[in-house]
PDB file of N, CA and C in Angstrom:
ATOM      1  N   MET A   1     136.673  87.311  49.213  1.00  0.00           N
ATOM      2  CA  MET A   1     136.635  86.366  50.294  1.00  0.00           C
ATOM      3  C   MET A   1     137.018  87.021  51.608  1.00  0.00           C
ATOM      4  N   SER A   2     137.948  87.948  51.560  1.00  0.00           N
ATOM      5  CA  SER A   2     138.347  88.615  52.789  1.00  0.00           C
ATOM      6  C   SER A   2     137.210  89.463  53.345  1.00  0.00           C
ATOM      7  N   SER A   3     136.348  89.970  52.478  1.00  0.00           N
ATOM      8  CA  SER A   3     135.229  90.765  52.961  1.00  0.00           C
ATOM      9  C   SER A   3     134.242  89.889  53.737  1.00  0.00           C
ATOM     10  N   GLU A   4     134.089  88.607  53.305  1.00  0.00           N
ATOM     11  CA  GLU A   4     133.213  87.697  54.040  1.00  0.00           C
ATOM     12  C   GLU A   4     133.802  87.403  55.420  1.00  0.00           C
ATOM     13  N   GLY A   5     135.092  87.201  55.504  1.00  0.00           N
ATOM     14  CA  GLY A   5     135.768  86.970  56.774  1.00  0.00           C
ATOM     15  C   GLY A   5     135.678  88.187  57.683  1.00  0.00           C
ATOM     16  N   GLU A   6     135.821  89.362  57.077  1.00  0.00           N
ATOM     17  CA  GLU A   6     135.717  90.598  57.849  1.00  0.00           C
ATOM     18  C   GLU A   6     134.297  90.764  58.400  1.00  0.00           C
ATOM     19  N   LEU A   7     133.315  90.421  57.577  1.00  0.00           N
ATOM     20  CA  LEU A   7     131.921  90.519  57.996  1.00  0.00           C
ATOM     21  C   LEU A   7     131.643  89.573  59.164  1.00  0.00           C
ATOM     22  N   LYS A   8     132.128  88.343  59.068  1.00  0.00           N
ATOM     23  CA  LYS A   8     131.933  87.379  60.157  1.00  0.00           C
ATOM     24  C   LYS A   8     132.610  87.852  61.444  1.00  0.00           C
ATOM     25  N   ALA A   9     133.799  88.405  61.301  1.00  0.00           N
ATOM     26  CA  ALA A   9     134.522  88.918  62.473  1.00  0.00           C
ATOM     27  C   ALA A   9     133.771  90.081  63.105  1.00  0.00           C
ATOM     28  N   ARG A  10     133.232  90.927  62.261  1.00  0.00           N
ATOM     29  CA  ARG A  10     132.468  92.093  62.768  1.00  0.00           C
ATOM     30  C   ARG A  10     131.186  91.637  63.478  1.00  0.00           C
ATOM     31  N   ILE A  11     130.500  90.633  62.908  1.00  0.00           N
ATOM     32  CA  ILE A  11     129.287  90.091  63.535  1.00  0.00           C
ATOM     33  C   ILE A  11     129.628  89.490  64.894  1.00  0.00           C
ATOM     34  N   LYS A  12     130.716  88.724  64.961  1.00  0.00           N
ATOM     35  CA  LYS A  12     131.141  88.118  66.222  1.00  0.00           C
ATOM     36  C   LYS A  12     131.464  89.192  67.259  1.00  0.00           C
ATOM     37  N   GLU A  13     132.150  90.238  66.812  1.00  0.00           N
ATOM     38  CA  GLU A  13     132.506  91.338  67.705  1.00  0.00           C
ATOM     39  C   GLU A  13     131.246  92.006  68.289  1.00  0.00           C
ATOM     40  N   LYS A  14     130.268  92.265  67.439  1.00  0.00           N
ATOM     41  CA  LYS A  14     129.021  92.904  67.875  1.00  0.00           C
ATOM     42  C   LYS A  14     128.225  91.974  68.801  1.00  0.00           C
ATOM     43  N   ARG A  15     128.233  90.679  68.505  1.00  0.00           N
ATOM     44  CA  ARG A  15     127.537  89.708  69.366  1.00  0.00           C
ATOM     45  C   ARG A  15     128.189  89.678  70.756  1.00  0.00           C
ATOM     46  N   ASP A  16     129.514  89.692  70.777  1.00  0.00           N
ATOM     47  CA  ASP A  16     130.233  89.708  72.058  1.00  0.00           C
ATOM     48  C   ASP A  16     129.926  90.979  72.850  1.00  0.00           C
ATOM     49  N   GLU A  17     129.871  92.109  72.155  1.00  0.00           N
ATOM     50  CA  GLU A  17     129.531  93.375  72.812  1.00  0.00           C
ATOM     51  C   GLU A  17     128.117  93.319  73.399  1.00  0.00           C
ATOM     52  N   ALA A  18     127.184  92.765  72.630  1.00  0.00           N
ATOM     53  CA  ALA A  18     125.798  92.658  73.098  1.00  0.00           C
ATOM     54  C   ALA A  18     125.706  91.745  74.318  1.00  0.00           C
ATOM     55  N   ASN A  19     126.418  90.642  74.288  1.00  0.00           N
ATOM     56  CA  ASN A  19     126.409  89.729  75.438  1.00  0.00           C
ATOM     57  C   ASN A  19     127.010  90.391  76.678  1.00  0.00           C
ATOM     58  N   ALA A  20     128.067  91.157  76.485  1.00  0.00           N
ATOM     59  CA  ALA A  20     128.681  91.864  77.608  1.00  0.00           C
ATOM     60  C   ALA A  20     127.705  92.889  78.192  1.00  0.00           C
ATOM     61  N   LEU A  21     126.992  93.597  77.339  1.00  0.00           N
ATOM     62  CA  LEU A  21     126.000  94.572  77.805  1.00  0.00           C
ATOM     63  C   LEU A  21     124.856  93.876  78.543  1.00  0.00           C
ATOM     64  N   LEU A  22     124.423  92.740  78.025  1.00  0.00           N
ATOM     65  CA  LEU A  22     123.358  91.981  78.675  1.00  0.00           C
ATOM     66  C   LEU A  22     123.800  91.502  80.054  1.00  0.00           C
ATOM     67  N   ASP A  23     125.020  90.994  80.150  1.00  0.00           N
ATOM     68  CA  ASP A  23     125.545  90.556  81.452  1.00  0.00           C
ATOM     69  C   ASP A  23     125.594  91.723  82.441  1.00  0.00           C
ATOM     70  N   ARG A  24     126.020  92.877  81.979  1.00  0.00           N
ATOM     71  CA  ARG A  24     126.099  94.058  82.853  1.00  0.00           C
ATOM     72  C   ARG A  24     124.708  94.496  83.283  1.00  0.00           C
ATOM     73  N   ALA A  25     123.740  94.441  82.383  1.00  0.00           N
ATOM     74  CA  ALA A  25     122.366  94.814  82.730  1.00  0.00           C
ATOM     75  C   ALA A  25     121.820  93.870  83.802  1.00  0.00           C
ATOM     76  N   LYS A  26     122.094  92.588  83.677  1.00  0.00           N
ATOM     77  CA  LYS A  26     121.656  91.618  84.690  1.00  0.00           C
ATOM     78  C   LYS A  26     122.276  91.939  86.044  1.00  0.00           C
ATOM     79  N   GLU A  27     123.560  92.253  86.064  1.00  0.00           N
ATOM     80  CA  GLU A  27     124.241  92.611  87.309  1.00  0.00           C
ATOM     81  C   GLU A  27     123.594  93.831  87.954  1.00  0.00           C
ATOM     82  N   LEU A  28     123.314  94.845  87.138  1.00  0.00           N
ATOM     83  CA  LEU A  28     122.709  96.067  87.666  1.00  0.00           C
ATOM     84  C   LEU A  28     121.305  95.802  88.205  1.00  0.00           C
ATOM     85  N   PHE A  29     120.534  94.971  87.519  1.00  0.00           N
ATOM     86  CA  PHE A  29     119.192  94.633  87.973  1.00  0.00           C
ATOM     87  C   PHE A  29     119.260  93.908  89.320  1.00  0.00           C
ATOM     88  N   GLU A  30     120.158  92.935  89.442  1.00  0.00           N
ATOM     89  CA  GLU A  30     120.303  92.201  90.701  1.00  0.00           C
ATOM     90  C   GLU A  30     120.744  93.122  91.834  1.00  0.00           C
ATOM     91  N   GLU A  31     121.639  94.039  91.534  1.00  0.00           N
ATOM     92  CA  GLU A  31     122.108  95.001  92.529  1.00  0.00           C
ATOM     93  C   GLU A  31     120.972  95.917  92.979  1.00  0.00           C
ATOM     94  N   ALA A  32     120.156  96.373  92.035  1.00  0.00           N
ATOM     95  CA  ALA A  32     119.018  97.242  92.367  1.00  0.00           C
ATOM     96  C   ALA A  32     118.000  96.491  93.217  1.00  0.00           C
ATOM     97  N   ALA A  33     117.741  95.236  92.884  1.00  0.00           N
ATOM     98  CA  ALA A  33     116.795  94.436  93.663  1.00  0.00           C
ATOM     99  C   ALA A  33     117.305  94.246  95.087  1.00  0.00           C
ATOM    100  N   LYS A  34     118.592  93.995  95.230  1.00  0.00           N
ATOM    101  CA  LYS A  34     119.175  93.834  96.572  1.00  0.00           C
ATOM    102  C   LYS A  34     119.070  95.133  97.369  1.00  0.00           C
ATOM    103  N   MET A  35     119.351  96.256  96.721  1.00  0.00           N
ATOM    104  CA  MET A  35     119.265  97.546  97.403  1.00  0.00           C
ATOM    105  C   MET A  35     117.832  97.825  97.848  1.00  0.00           C
ATOM    106  N   GLU A  36     116.866  97.478  97.012  1.00  0.00           N
ATOM    107  CA  GLU A  36     115.465  97.696  97.363  1.00  0.00           C
ATOM    108  C   GLU A  36     115.086  96.882  98.596  1.00  0.00           C
ATOM    109  N   ARG A  37     115.535  95.621  98.640  1.00  0.00           N
ATOM    110  CA  ARG A  37     115.248  94.771  99.804  1.00  0.00           C
ATOM    111  C   ARG A  37     115.883  95.362 101.061  1.00  0.00           C
ATOM    112  N   GLU A  38     117.093  95.875 100.923  1.00  0.00           N
ATOM    113  CA  GLU A  38     117.795  96.423 102.077  1.00  0.00           C
ATOM    114  C   GLU A  38     117.160  97.716 102.579  1.00  0.00           C
ATOM    115  N   LEU A  39     116.468  98.433 101.697  1.00  0.00           N
ATOM    116  CA  LEU A  39     115.853  99.696 102.077  1.00  0.00           C
ATOM    117  C   LEU A  39     114.619  99.509 102.958  1.00  0.00           C
ATOM    118  N   CYS A  40     114.006  98.338 102.895  1.00  0.00           N
ATOM    119  CA  CYS A  40     112.796  98.089 103.658  1.00  0.00           C
ATOM    120  C   CYS A  40     113.188  97.808 105.115  1.00  0.00           C
ATOM    121  N   ASP A  41     112.777  98.658 106.008  1.00  0.00           N
ATOM    122  CA  ASP A  41     113.150  98.573 107.419  1.00  0.00           C
ATOM    123  C   ASP A  41     112.367  97.467 108.121  1.00  0.00           C
ATOM    124  N   PRO A  42     113.058  96.519 108.744  1.00  0.00           N
ATOM    125  CA  PRO A  42     112.372  95.440 109.466  1.00  0.00           C
ATOM    126  C   PRO A  42     111.389  95.953 110.524  1.00  0.00           C
ATOM    127  N   ASN A  43     111.733  97.033 111.198  1.00  0.00           N
ATOM    128  CA  ASN A  43     110.833  97.586 112.227  1.00  0.00           C
ATOM    129  C   ASN A  43     109.533  98.084 111.611  1.00  0.00           C
ATOM    130  N   ARG A  44     109.638  98.649 110.415  1.00  0.00           N
ATOM    131  CA  ARG A  44     108.435  99.124 109.705  1.00  0.00           C
ATOM    132  C   ARG A  44     107.532  97.952 109.339  1.00  0.00           C
ATOM    133  N   ILE A  45     108.130  96.869 108.909  1.00  0.00           N
ATOM    134  CA  ILE A  45     107.351  95.672 108.574  1.00  0.00           C
ATOM    135  C   ILE A  45     106.638  95.150 109.810  1.00  0.00           C
ATOM    136  N   ILE A  46     107.356  95.050 110.908  1.00  0.00           N
ATOM    137  CA  ILE A  46     106.764  94.530 112.150  1.00  0.00           C
ATOM    138  C   ILE A  46     105.631  95.438 112.616  1.00  0.00           C
ATOM    139  N   GLU A  47     105.830  96.744 112.549  1.00  0.00           N
ATOM    140  CA  GLU A  47     104.778  97.685 112.950  1.00  0.00           C
ATOM    141  C   GLU A  47     103.535  97.529 112.071  1.00  0.00           C
ATOM    142  N   ALA A  48     103.741  97.382 110.759  1.00  0.00           N
ATOM    143  CA  ALA A  48     102.611  97.248 109.836  1.00  0.00           C
ATOM    144  C   ALA A  48     101.834  95.958 110.105  1.00  0.00           C
ATOM    145  N   VAL A  49     102.532  94.878 110.357  1.00  0.00           N
ATOM    146  CA  VAL A  49     101.873  93.596 110.641  1.00  0.00           C
ATOM    147  C   VAL A  49     101.109  93.689 111.954  1.00  0.00           C
ATOM    148  N   CYS A  50     101.718  94.264 112.956  1.00  0.00           N
ATOM    149  CA  CYS A  50     101.044  94.411 114.257  1.00  0.00           C
ATOM    150  C   CYS A  50      99.764  95.230 114.115  1.00  0.00           C
ATOM    151  N   ALA A  51      99.827  96.300 113.361  1.00  0.00           N
ATOM    152  CA  ALA A  51      98.640  97.136 113.173  1.00  0.00           C
ATOM    153  C   ALA A  51      97.547  96.371 112.425  1.00  0.00           C
ATOM    154  N   ALA A  52      97.929  95.652 111.374  1.00  0.00           N
ATOM    155  CA  ALA A  52      96.937  94.937 110.568  1.00  0.00           C
ATOM    156  C   ALA A  52      96.310  93.768 111.331  1.00  0.00           C
ATOM    157  N   TRP A  53      97.081  93.082 112.121  1.00  0.00           N
ATOM    158  CA  TRP A  53      96.568  91.921 112.866  1.00  0.00           C
ATOM    159  C   TRP A  53      96.131  92.283 114.282  1.00  0.00           C
ATOM    160  N   ARG A  54      96.246  93.553 114.588  1.00  0.00           N
ATOM    161  CA  ARG A  54      95.830  94.070 115.893  1.00  0.00           C
ATOM    162  C   ARG A  54      96.463  93.302 117.060  1.00  0.00           C
ATOM    163  N   VAL A  55      97.778  93.187 116.971  1.00  0.00           N
ATOM    164  CA  VAL A  55      98.542  92.614 118.079  1.00  0.00           C
ATOM    165  C   VAL A  55      99.624  93.611 118.462  1.00  0.00           C
ATOM    166  N   LYS A  56     100.009  93.577 119.694  1.00  0.00           N
ATOM    167  CA  LYS A  56     101.087  94.451 120.155  1.00  0.00           C
ATOM    168  C   LYS A  56     102.422  93.831 119.752  1.00  0.00           C
ATOM    169  N   GLU A  57     103.397  94.686 119.560  1.00  0.00           N
ATOM    170  CA  GLU A  57     104.723  94.206 119.181  1.00  0.00           C
ATOM    171  C   GLU A  57     105.263  93.224 120.219  1.00  0.00           C
ATOM    172  N   GLU A  58     104.984  93.498 121.483  1.00  0.00           N
ATOM    173  CA  GLU A  58     105.446  92.597 122.552  1.00  0.00           C
ATOM    174  C   GLU A  58     104.842  91.202 122.368  1.00  0.00           C
ATOM    175  N   GLN A  59     103.578  91.151 121.949  1.00  0.00           N
ATOM    176  CA  GLN A  59     102.922  89.863 121.708  1.00  0.00           C
ATOM    177  C   GLN A  59     103.568  89.142 120.521  1.00  0.00           C
ATOM    178  N   LEU A  60     103.790  89.889 119.449  1.00  0.00           N
ATOM    179  CA  LEU A  60     104.384  89.310 118.254  1.00  0.00           C
ATOM    180  C   LEU A  60     105.748  88.692 118.565  1.00  0.00           C
ATOM    181  N   LEU A  61     106.513  89.365 119.399  1.00  0.00           N
ATOM    182  CA  LEU A  61     107.862  88.908 119.718  1.00  0.00           C
ATOM    183  C   LEU A  61     107.898  87.955 120.908  1.00  0.00           C
ATOM    184  N   SER A  62     106.741  87.676 121.479  1.00  0.00           N
ATOM    185  CA  SER A  62     106.666  86.788 122.641  1.00  0.00           C
ATOM    186  C   SER A  62     106.623  85.323 122.210  1.00  0.00           C
ATOM    187  N   LYS A  63     106.500  84.452 123.188  1.00  0.00           N
ATOM    188  CA  LYS A  63     106.393  83.015 122.933  1.00  0.00           C
ATOM    189  C   LYS A  63     104.941  82.584 122.722  1.00  0.00           C
ATOM    190  N   SER A  64     104.022  83.541 122.693  1.00  0.00           N
ATOM    191  CA  SER A  64     102.597  83.233 122.559  1.00  0.00           C
ATOM    192  C   SER A  64     102.315  82.367 121.341  1.00  0.00           C
ATOM    193  N   ARG A  65     101.428  81.386 121.536  1.00  0.00           N
ATOM    194  CA  ARG A  65     101.022  80.504 120.446  1.00  0.00           C
ATOM    195  C   ARG A  65      99.565  80.718 120.057  1.00  0.00           C
ATOM    196  N   LYS A  66      98.965  81.801 120.563  1.00  0.00           N
ATOM    197  CA  LYS A  66      97.596  82.122 120.179  1.00  0.00           C
ATOM    198  C   LYS A  66      97.541  82.287 118.661  1.00  0.00           C
ATOM    199  N   ALA A  67      96.441  81.820 118.069  1.00  0.00           N
ATOM    200  CA  ALA A  67      96.329  81.772 116.609  1.00  0.00           C
ATOM    201  C   ALA A  67      96.573  83.126 115.950  1.00  0.00           C
ATOM    202  N   ARG A  68      95.961  84.168 116.477  1.00  0.00           N
ATOM    203  CA  ARG A  68      96.094  85.501 115.860  1.00  0.00           C
ATOM    204  C   ARG A  68      97.538  85.987 115.941  1.00  0.00           C
ATOM    205  N   VAL A  69      98.173  85.758 117.077  1.00  0.00           N
ATOM    206  CA  VAL A  69      99.563  86.188 117.268  1.00  0.00           C
ATOM    207  C   VAL A  69     100.492  85.360 116.386  1.00  0.00           C
ATOM    208  N   ALA A  70     100.259  84.055 116.360  1.00  0.00           N
ATOM    209  CA  ALA A  70     101.099  83.173 115.542  1.00  0.00           C
ATOM    210  C   ALA A  70     100.978  83.523 114.060  1.00  0.00           C
ATOM    211  N   ARG A  71      99.743  83.800 113.591  1.00  0.00           N
ATOM    212  CA  ARG A  71      99.551  84.158 112.185  1.00  0.00           C
ATOM    213  C   ARG A  71     100.256  85.473 111.883  1.00  0.00           C
ATOM    214  N   ALA A  72     100.153  86.444 112.758  1.00  0.00           N
ATOM    215  CA  ALA A  72     100.835  87.727 112.549  1.00  0.00           C
ATOM    216  C   ALA A  72     102.352  87.511 112.481  1.00  0.00           C
ATOM    217  N   ARG A  73     102.870  86.662 113.345  1.00  0.00           N
ATOM    218  CA  ARG A  73     104.301  86.369 113.361  1.00  0.00           C
ATOM    219  C   ARG A  73     104.720  85.682 112.055  1.00  0.00           C
ATOM    220  N   GLN A  74     103.892  84.777 111.555  1.00  0.00           N
ATOM    221  CA  GLN A  74     104.189  84.100 110.292  1.00  0.00           C
ATOM    222  C   GLN A  74     104.227  85.101 109.135  1.00  0.00           C
ATOM    223  N   VAL A  75     103.258  86.000 109.110  1.00  0.00           N
ATOM    224  CA  VAL A  75     103.219  87.022 108.054  1.00  0.00           C
ATOM    225  C   VAL A  75     104.446  87.928 108.169  1.00  0.00           C
ATOM    226  N   ALA A  76     104.798  88.312 109.380  1.00  0.00           N
ATOM    227  CA  ALA A  76     105.977  89.161 109.577  1.00  0.00           C
ATOM    228  C   ALA A  76     107.228  88.452 109.061  1.00  0.00           C
ATOM    229  N   GLY A  77     107.359  87.178 109.389  1.00  0.00           N
ATOM    230  CA  GLY A  77     108.517  86.420 108.905  1.00  0.00           C
ATOM    231  C   GLY A  77     108.561  86.360 107.388  1.00  0.00           C
ATOM    232  N   TYR A  78     107.414  86.125 106.787  1.00  0.00           N
ATOM    233  CA  TYR A  78     107.320  86.072 105.322  1.00  0.00           C
ATOM    234  C   TYR A  78     107.730  87.416 104.708  1.00  0.00           C
ATOM    235  N   LEU A  79     107.171  88.493 105.222  1.00  0.00           N
ATOM    236  CA  LEU A  79     107.475  89.817 104.668  1.00  0.00           C
ATOM    237  C   LEU A  79     108.928  90.213 104.907  1.00  0.00           C
ATOM    238  N   LEU A  80     109.460  89.851 106.059  1.00  0.00           N
ATOM    239  CA  LEU A  80     110.871  90.153 106.324  1.00  0.00           C
ATOM    240  C   LEU A  80     111.768  89.422 105.326  1.00  0.00           C
ATOM    241  N   ARG A  81     111.400  88.210 104.998  1.00  0.00           N
ATOM    242  CA  ARG A  81     112.199  87.437 104.040  1.00  0.00           C
ATOM    243  C   ARG A  81     112.071  88.000 102.623  1.00  0.00           C
ATOM    244  N   GLN A  82     110.868  88.406 102.241  1.00  0.00           N
ATOM    245  CA  GLN A  82     110.622  88.893 100.889  1.00  0.00           C
ATOM    246  C   GLN A  82     111.137  90.311 100.642  1.00  0.00           C
ATOM    247  N   HIS A  83     111.142  91.132 101.678  1.00  0.00           N
ATOM    248  CA  HIS A  83     111.412  92.558 101.471  1.00  0.00           C
ATOM    249  C   HIS A  83     112.663  93.071 102.163  1.00  0.00           C
ATOM    250  N   THR A  84     113.464  92.171 102.674  1.00  0.00           N
ATOM    251  CA  THR A  84     114.758  92.568 103.233  1.00  0.00           C
ATOM    252  C   THR A  84     115.799  91.568 102.750  1.00  0.00           C
ATOM    253  N   ALA A  85     117.034  91.850 103.032  1.00  0.00           N
ATOM    254  CA  ALA A  85     118.110  90.928 102.671  1.00  0.00           C
ATOM    255  C   ALA A  85     118.456  90.029 103.858  1.00  0.00           C
ATOM    256  N   LEU A  86     117.565  89.954 104.838  1.00  0.00           N
ATOM    257  CA  LEU A  86     117.832  89.162 106.044  1.00  0.00           C
ATOM    258  C   LEU A  86     117.752  87.664 105.757  1.00  0.00           C
ATOM    259  N   SER A  87     118.622  86.911 106.400  1.00  0.00           N
ATOM    260  CA  SER A  87     118.613  85.456 106.279  1.00  0.00           C
ATOM    261  C   SER A  87     117.542  84.876 107.200  1.00  0.00           C
ATOM    262  N   PHE A  88     117.237  83.589 107.013  1.00  0.00           N
ATOM    263  CA  PHE A  88     116.277  82.924 107.895  1.00  0.00           C
ATOM    264  C   PHE A  88     116.740  82.972 109.357  1.00  0.00           C
ATOM    265  N   PRO A  89     118.023  82.693 109.636  1.00  0.00           N
ATOM    266  CA  PRO A  89     118.458  82.791 111.040  1.00  0.00           C
ATOM    267  C   PRO A  89     118.319  84.205 111.614  1.00  0.00           C
ATOM    268  N   ALA A  90     118.596  85.226 110.805  1.00  0.00           N
ATOM    269  CA  ALA A  90     118.475  86.609 111.285  1.00  0.00           C
ATOM    270  C   ALA A  90     117.019  86.947 111.591  1.00  0.00           C
ATOM    271  N   ILE A  91     116.112  86.515 110.722  1.00  0.00           N
ATOM    272  CA  ILE A  91     114.681  86.749 110.961  1.00  0.00           C
ATOM    273  C   ILE A  91     114.247  85.996 112.207  1.00  0.00           C
ATOM    274  N   GLY A  92     114.731  84.786 112.362  1.00  0.00           N
ATOM    275  CA  GLY A  92     114.422  83.997 113.551  1.00  0.00           C
ATOM    276  C   GLY A  92     114.860  84.706 114.824  1.00  0.00           C
ATOM    277  N   ARG A  93     116.035  85.303 114.792  1.00  0.00           N
ATOM    278  CA  ARG A  93     116.515  86.037 115.979  1.00  0.00           C
ATOM    279  C   ARG A  93     115.605  87.230 116.274  1.00  0.00           C
ATOM    280  N   ILE A  94     115.176  87.933 115.237  1.00  0.00           N
ATOM    281  CA  ILE A  94     114.297  89.090 115.428  1.00  0.00           C
ATOM    282  C   ILE A  94     112.974  88.653 116.049  1.00  0.00           C
ATOM    283  N   LEU A  95     112.413  87.562 115.536  1.00  0.00           N
ATOM    284  CA  LEU A  95     111.086  87.119 115.982  1.00  0.00           C
ATOM    285  C   LEU A  95     111.135  86.124 117.134  1.00  0.00           C
ATOM    286  N   GLY A  96     112.318  85.802 117.601  1.00  0.00           N
ATOM    287  CA  GLY A  96     112.444  84.889 118.726  1.00  0.00           C
ATOM    288  C   GLY A  96     112.093  83.453 118.388  1.00  0.00           C
ATOM    289  N   ARG A  97     112.404  83.047 117.161  1.00  0.00           N
ATOM    290  CA  ARG A  97     112.096  81.703 116.695  1.00  0.00           C
ATOM    291  C   ARG A  97     113.316  81.091 116.018  1.00  0.00           C
ATOM    292  N   ASP A  98     113.290  79.785 115.858  1.00  0.00           N
ATOM    293  CA  ASP A  98     114.333  79.068 115.153  1.00  0.00           C
ATOM    294  C   ASP A  98     114.206  79.334 113.650  1.00  0.00           C
ATOM    295  N   HIS A  99     115.314  79.270 112.940  1.00  0.00           N
ATOM    296  CA  HIS A  99     115.268  79.540 111.498  1.00  0.00           C
ATOM    297  C   HIS A  99     114.364  78.554 110.760  1.00  0.00           C
ATOM    298  N   SER A 100     114.282  77.316 111.236  1.00  0.00           N
ATOM    299  CA  SER A 100     113.425  76.342 110.557  1.00  0.00           C
ATOM    300  C   SER A 100     111.945  76.710 110.705  1.00  0.00           C
ATOM    301  N   THR A 101     111.597  77.339 111.801  1.00  0.00           N
ATOM    302  CA  THR A 101     110.225  77.821 111.991  1.00  0.00           C
ATOM    303  C   THR A 101     109.927  78.940 110.991  1.00  0.00           C
ATOM    304  N   ILE A 102     110.899  79.786 110.738  1.00  0.00           N
ATOM    305  CA  ILE A 102     110.727  80.883 109.785  1.00  0.00           C
ATOM    306  C   ILE A 102     110.580  80.316 108.367  1.00  0.00           C
ATOM    307  N   ILE A 103     111.369  79.312 108.042  1.00  0.00           N
ATOM    308  CA  ILE A 103     111.242  78.673 106.728  1.00  0.00           C
ATOM    309  C   ILE A 103     109.833  78.112 106.567  1.00  0.00           C
ATOM    310  N   HIS A 104     109.356  77.407 107.580  1.00  0.00           N
ATOM    311  CA  HIS A 104     108.005  76.845 107.538  1.00  0.00           C
ATOM    312  C   HIS A 104     106.954  77.950 107.383  1.00  0.00           C
ATOM    313  N   SER A 105     107.120  79.027 108.131  1.00  0.00           N
ATOM    314  CA  SER A 105     106.184  80.155 108.043  1.00  0.00           C
ATOM    315  C   SER A 105     106.140  80.738 106.641  1.00  0.00           C
ATOM    316  N   CYS A 106     107.297  80.924 106.038  1.00  0.00           N
ATOM    317  CA  CYS A 106     107.359  81.497 104.693  1.00  0.00           C
ATOM    318  C   CYS A 106     106.667  80.583 103.688  1.00  0.00           C
ATOM    319  N   GLU A 107     106.907  79.291 103.801  1.00  0.00           N
ATOM    320  CA  GLU A 107     106.252  78.340 102.896  1.00  0.00           C
ATOM    321  C   GLU A 107     104.743  78.341 103.096  1.00  0.00           C
ATOM    322  N   LEU A 108     104.324  78.362 104.345  1.00  0.00           N
ATOM    323  CA  LEU A 108     102.900  78.349 104.678  1.00  0.00           C
ATOM    324  C   LEU A 108     102.194  79.590 104.136  1.00  0.00           C
ATOM    325  N   ILE A 109     102.768  80.752 104.381  1.00  0.00           N
ATOM    326  CA  ILE A 109     102.160  82.007 103.935  1.00  0.00           C
ATOM    327  C   ILE A 109     102.156  82.072 102.407  1.00  0.00           C
ATOM    328  N   ALA A 110     103.238  81.652 101.765  1.00  0.00           N
ATOM    329  CA  ALA A 110     103.290  81.662 100.294  1.00  0.00           C
ATOM    330  C   ALA A 110     102.206  80.760  99.711  1.00  0.00           C
ATOM    331  N   ARG A 111     102.005  79.574 100.296  1.00  0.00           N
ATOM    332  CA  ARG A 111     100.955  78.662  99.819  1.00  0.00           C
ATOM    333  C   ARG A 111      99.583  79.286  99.980  1.00  0.00           C
ATOM    334  N   GLU A 112      99.354  79.893 101.150  1.00  0.00           N
ATOM    335  CA  GLU A 112      98.034  80.492 101.378  1.00  0.00           C
ATOM    336  C   GLU A 112      97.798  81.676 100.447  1.00  0.00           C
ATOM    337  N   MET A 113      98.844  82.449 100.198  1.00  0.00           N
ATOM    338  CA  MET A 113      98.701  83.585  99.284  1.00  0.00           C
ATOM    339  C   MET A 113      98.388  83.102  97.868  1.00  0.00           C
ATOM    340  N   ALA A 114      98.949  81.976  97.478  1.00  0.00           N
ATOM    341  CA  ALA A 114      98.725  81.435  96.139  1.00  0.00           C
ATOM    342  C   ALA A 114      97.294  80.933  95.960  1.00  0.00           C
ATOM    343  N   THR A 115      96.678  80.506  97.057  1.00  0.00           N
ATOM    344  CA  THR A 115      95.333  79.933  96.948  1.00  0.00           C
ATOM    345  C   THR A 115      94.226  80.878  97.408  1.00  0.00           C
ATOM    346  N   THR A 116      94.594  81.953  98.099  1.00  0.00           N
ATOM    347  CA  THR A 116      93.592  82.873  98.639  1.00  0.00           C
ATOM    348  C   THR A 116      93.944  84.305  98.225  1.00  0.00           C
ATOM    349  N   PRO A 117      93.394  84.757  97.113  1.00  0.00           N
ATOM    350  CA  PRO A 117      93.724  86.097  96.611  1.00  0.00           C
ATOM    351  C   PRO A 117      93.458  87.218  97.623  1.00  0.00           C
ATOM    352  N   ARG A 118      92.416  87.074  98.402  1.00  0.00           N
ATOM    353  CA  ARG A 118      92.087  88.113  99.372  1.00  0.00           C
ATOM    354  C   ARG A 118      93.178  88.217 100.452  1.00  0.00           C
ATOM    355  N   PHE A 119      93.645  87.059 100.912  1.00  0.00           N
ATOM    356  CA  PHE A 119      94.734  87.026 101.885  1.00  0.00           C
ATOM    357  C   PHE A 119      96.002  87.610 101.261  1.00  0.00           C
ATOM    358  N   ALA A 120      96.292  87.232 100.015  1.00  0.00           N
ATOM    359  CA  ALA A 120      97.475  87.757  99.320  1.00  0.00           C
ATOM    360  C   ALA A 120      97.418  89.272  99.212  1.00  0.00           C
ATOM    361  N   ALA A 121      96.255  89.792  98.892  1.00  0.00           N
ATOM    362  CA  ALA A 121      96.108  91.249  98.777  1.00  0.00           C
ATOM    363  C   ALA A 121      96.344  91.924 100.122  1.00  0.00           C
ATOM    364  N   ALA A 122      95.834  91.306 101.193  1.00  0.00           N
ATOM    365  CA  ALA A 122      96.023  91.879 102.531  1.00  0.00           C
ATOM    366  C   ALA A 122      97.498  91.897 102.907  1.00  0.00           C
ATOM    367  N   VAL A 123      98.193  90.805 102.640  1.00  0.00           N
ATOM    368  CA  VAL A 123      99.615  90.736 102.983  1.00  0.00           C
ATOM    369  C   VAL A 123     100.429  91.703 102.125  1.00  0.00           C
ATOM    370  N   ASN A 124     100.193  91.665 100.822  1.00  0.00           N
ATOM    371  CA  ASN A 124     100.938  92.566  99.922  1.00  0.00           C
ATOM    372  C   ASN A 124     100.627  94.029 100.177  1.00  0.00           C
ATOM    373  N   GLY A 125      99.438  94.313 100.659  1.00  0.00           N
ATOM    374  CA  GLY A 125      99.044  95.691 100.959  1.00  0.00           C
ATOM    375  C   GLY A 125      99.773  96.291 102.147  1.00  0.00           C
ATOM    376  N   LEU A 126     100.405  95.439 102.937  1.00  0.00           N
ATOM    377  CA  LEU A 126     101.124  95.943 104.111  1.00  0.00           C
ATOM    378  C   LEU A 126     102.418  96.662 103.724  1.00  0.00           C
ATOM    379  N   ILE A 127     102.993  96.268 102.604  1.00  0.00           N
ATOM    380  CA  ILE A 127     104.236  96.869 102.128  1.00  0.00           C
ATOM    381  C   ILE A 127     103.937  97.534 100.793  1.00  0.00           C
ATOM    382  N   ALA A 128     103.622  98.788 100.860  1.00  0.00           N
ATOM    383  CA  ALA A 128     103.289  99.514  99.620  1.00  0.00           C
ATOM    384  C   ALA A 128     104.028 100.817  99.553  1.00  0.00           C
TER     385      ALA A 128
END
């Protein structure tokens, strides 16, 4: 009978060890993902968007509401959110917009990417 108790204790011990290892692996994965986001330079993202949408950086950061400029700004906001650790307010400060505008832009671009594979490929191709 003691061998059965010992076996159960050993199984519990190994299960606890496995759970601890799994928790540590999750922590490391989250840390690596955060580091990857932080490595992506916001200026590089803005330059890539400007080149792809053929707008000058000054235009992107301006108050212009022209469709091409506004779309480029929306894509920049989306990419800054996806590939950096920047908050919505921080992205808003960079792009000269309110954080709620950045939230709307991210939602809009994500919806369009989900329904238009060609657009999604173009946006994702900017950060490679």
